[in-house]
N, C-alpha and C. Protein backbone atom coordinates (compact mmCIF):
# COMPACT_ATOMS: atom_id res chain seq x y z
N MET A 1 -6.72 -2.40 -38.05
CA MET A 1 -7.43 -1.22 -38.49
C MET A 1 -7.97 -0.95 -39.71
N GLU A 2 -9.07 -1.20 -40.29
CA GLU A 2 -9.42 -0.25 -41.61
C GLU A 2 -8.62 0.89 -41.88
N ASN A 3 -8.47 0.96 -43.37
CA ASN A 3 -8.44 2.39 -43.78
C ASN A 3 -8.95 2.70 -44.65
N ASN A 4 -9.79 4.08 -43.85
CA ASN A 4 -10.76 4.86 -44.30
C ASN A 4 -10.32 6.03 -44.87
N THR A 5 -10.80 5.90 -46.06
CA THR A 5 -10.50 7.04 -47.27
C THR A 5 -12.37 8.04 -47.12
N PHE A 6 -11.91 9.20 -47.46
CA PHE A 6 -13.27 9.95 -47.09
C PHE A 6 -13.11 11.15 -48.34
N ALA A 7 -14.36 11.10 -49.34
CA ALA A 7 -14.19 11.93 -50.15
C ALA A 7 -13.87 13.75 -49.99
N GLN A 8 -13.44 14.18 -51.19
CA GLN A 8 -13.15 15.44 -51.35
C GLN A 8 -14.83 16.33 -51.74
N LEU A 9 -15.13 16.81 -51.22
CA LEU A 9 -16.48 17.74 -51.09
C LEU A 9 -15.95 19.05 -51.34
N SER A 10 -16.73 19.55 -52.27
CA SER A 10 -16.79 21.03 -51.79
C SER A 10 -18.10 21.95 -51.14
N ASN A 11 -17.75 22.71 -50.63
CA ASN A 11 -18.86 23.15 -49.41
C ASN A 11 -19.86 23.33 -50.01
N ASP A 12 -20.42 23.33 -51.26
CA ASP A 12 -21.70 23.78 -52.40
C ASP A 12 -21.91 22.38 -52.05
N LYS A 13 -21.26 20.73 -52.48
CA LYS A 13 -21.80 20.00 -52.67
C LYS A 13 -22.13 19.00 -51.47
N LEU A 14 -21.16 19.50 -49.94
CA LEU A 14 -21.67 19.24 -49.02
C LEU A 14 -22.82 19.67 -47.85
N GLU A 15 -22.98 21.04 -48.22
CA GLU A 15 -24.44 21.48 -48.00
C GLU A 15 -25.64 20.54 -48.93
N GLU A 16 -25.90 20.71 -50.49
CA GLU A 16 -26.51 20.48 -50.98
C GLU A 16 -26.77 18.39 -50.24
N ILE A 17 -25.59 18.09 -49.72
CA ILE A 17 -25.87 16.32 -49.19
C ILE A 17 -27.11 16.80 -47.99
N THR A 18 -26.15 17.83 -47.26
CA THR A 18 -26.59 18.14 -45.78
C THR A 18 -28.50 18.62 -45.64
N THR A 19 -28.57 19.41 -46.82
CA THR A 19 -29.99 19.42 -47.26
C THR A 19 -31.03 18.24 -47.56
N LEU A 20 -30.71 17.50 -48.37
CA LEU A 20 -31.30 16.13 -48.23
C LEU A 20 -31.37 15.47 -47.49
N GLU A 21 -30.30 15.07 -46.79
CA GLU A 21 -30.22 14.18 -45.52
C GLU A 21 -31.19 14.89 -44.52
N ASN A 22 -31.40 16.23 -44.68
CA ASN A 22 -32.33 16.68 -43.18
C ASN A 22 -33.81 16.97 -44.09
N LYS A 23 -33.76 16.93 -45.46
CA LYS A 23 -35.55 16.79 -46.11
C LYS A 23 -35.74 15.40 -45.96
N LEU A 24 -34.72 14.36 -45.97
CA LEU A 24 -35.79 13.10 -45.88
C LEU A 24 -35.24 12.48 -44.97
N GLY A 25 -34.30 12.88 -43.77
CA GLY A 25 -34.37 12.41 -42.28
C GLY A 25 -33.80 11.08 -41.98
N VAL A 26 -32.58 11.41 -42.89
CA VAL A 26 -31.47 10.35 -42.93
C VAL A 26 -30.29 10.78 -42.92
N ILE A 27 -29.15 9.88 -42.95
CA ILE A 27 -27.75 10.25 -42.98
C ILE A 27 -26.80 9.18 -44.40
N LEU A 28 -26.89 9.75 -45.03
CA LEU A 28 -26.47 9.21 -46.39
C LEU A 28 -24.82 8.87 -46.24
N ILE A 29 -24.88 7.46 -46.19
CA ILE A 29 -23.43 6.67 -46.38
C ILE A 29 -22.88 6.27 -47.76
N ALA A 30 -22.03 6.91 -47.94
CA ALA A 30 -21.35 6.02 -49.47
C ALA A 30 -20.72 5.45 -49.08
N TYR A 31 -20.59 3.99 -50.30
CA TYR A 31 -19.04 3.42 -49.93
C TYR A 31 -19.16 2.68 -51.42
N ASP A 32 -17.68 1.98 -51.43
CA ASP A 32 -17.15 1.67 -52.54
C ASP A 32 -17.94 0.43 -52.56
N GLU A 33 -18.58 0.08 -54.15
CA GLU A 33 -19.07 -1.74 -53.79
C GLU A 33 -18.22 -2.23 -53.80
N ALA A 34 -17.25 -2.73 -55.15
CA ALA A 34 -15.81 -3.24 -55.11
C ALA A 34 -15.43 -3.65 -54.19
N THR A 35 -14.92 -2.35 -52.86
CA THR A 35 -14.51 -2.80 -51.52
C THR A 35 -14.72 -3.87 -50.96
N ALA A 36 -16.61 -3.24 -50.39
CA ALA A 36 -17.53 -4.30 -50.15
C ALA A 36 -17.36 -5.67 -50.60
N THR A 37 -17.13 -5.70 -51.99
CA THR A 37 -18.10 -7.53 -52.32
C THR A 37 -16.27 -8.10 -51.85
N ASN A 38 -15.08 -7.42 -52.29
CA ASN A 38 -14.21 -7.81 -51.48
C ASN A 38 -14.01 -8.24 -50.07
N GLN A 39 -14.46 -7.26 -49.34
CA GLN A 39 -14.50 -7.84 -47.98
C GLN A 39 -15.12 -8.99 -47.60
N MET A 40 -16.34 -9.04 -48.24
CA MET A 40 -17.44 -10.18 -48.27
C MET A 40 -17.03 -11.43 -48.26
N HIS A 41 -15.94 -11.35 -49.55
CA HIS A 41 -15.50 -12.65 -49.93
C HIS A 41 -13.88 -13.06 -49.50
N GLY A 42 -13.81 -12.40 -48.12
CA GLY A 42 -12.77 -12.08 -47.91
C GLY A 42 -12.73 -12.59 -46.78
N GLY A 43 -13.94 -12.60 -46.01
CA GLY A 43 -14.27 -12.97 -44.35
C GLY A 43 -14.50 -11.85 -43.92
N SER A 44 -14.03 -10.91 -44.14
CA SER A 44 -14.50 -9.28 -42.88
C SER A 44 -15.65 -9.18 -43.06
N GLN A 45 -16.16 -9.37 -43.07
CA GLN A 45 -17.48 -8.46 -43.82
C GLN A 45 -18.09 -7.89 -42.21
N SER A 46 -18.72 -6.76 -41.76
CA SER A 46 -18.62 -6.32 -40.11
C SER A 46 -20.15 -6.77 -40.02
N THR A 47 -20.22 -7.10 -38.99
CA THR A 47 -21.78 -7.48 -38.45
C THR A 47 -22.43 -6.00 -38.25
N SER A 48 -21.95 -5.11 -38.16
CA SER A 48 -22.69 -3.56 -37.88
C SER A 48 -22.91 -3.01 -39.19
N GLU A 49 -22.68 -3.41 -40.34
CA GLU A 49 -23.40 -3.06 -41.27
C GLU A 49 -24.49 -3.05 -42.16
N ILE A 50 -24.98 -1.96 -42.45
CA ILE A 50 -26.91 -2.21 -42.75
C ILE A 50 -27.17 -2.49 -44.13
N ASN A 51 -27.83 -3.14 -44.66
CA ASN A 51 -28.15 -3.23 -46.15
C ASN A 51 -29.11 -3.15 -46.38
N PRO A 52 -30.05 -2.04 -46.47
CA PRO A 52 -31.69 -2.49 -46.15
C PRO A 52 -32.40 -3.14 -47.54
N SER A 53 -31.57 -3.35 -48.60
CA SER A 53 -32.20 -3.95 -49.87
C SER A 53 -32.26 -5.37 -49.65
């Protein structure tokens, strides 16, 4: 199983993000690009990942 790390956000920052998500009608997800790149080269990329670009 993967080891997930979560950001430590202040309540103010979390509220700002939640407000932005509600305004845009989306759920924002951040990830470490270096980790994602290593996973792709290691052959362990999940098929459930979505990349809109």
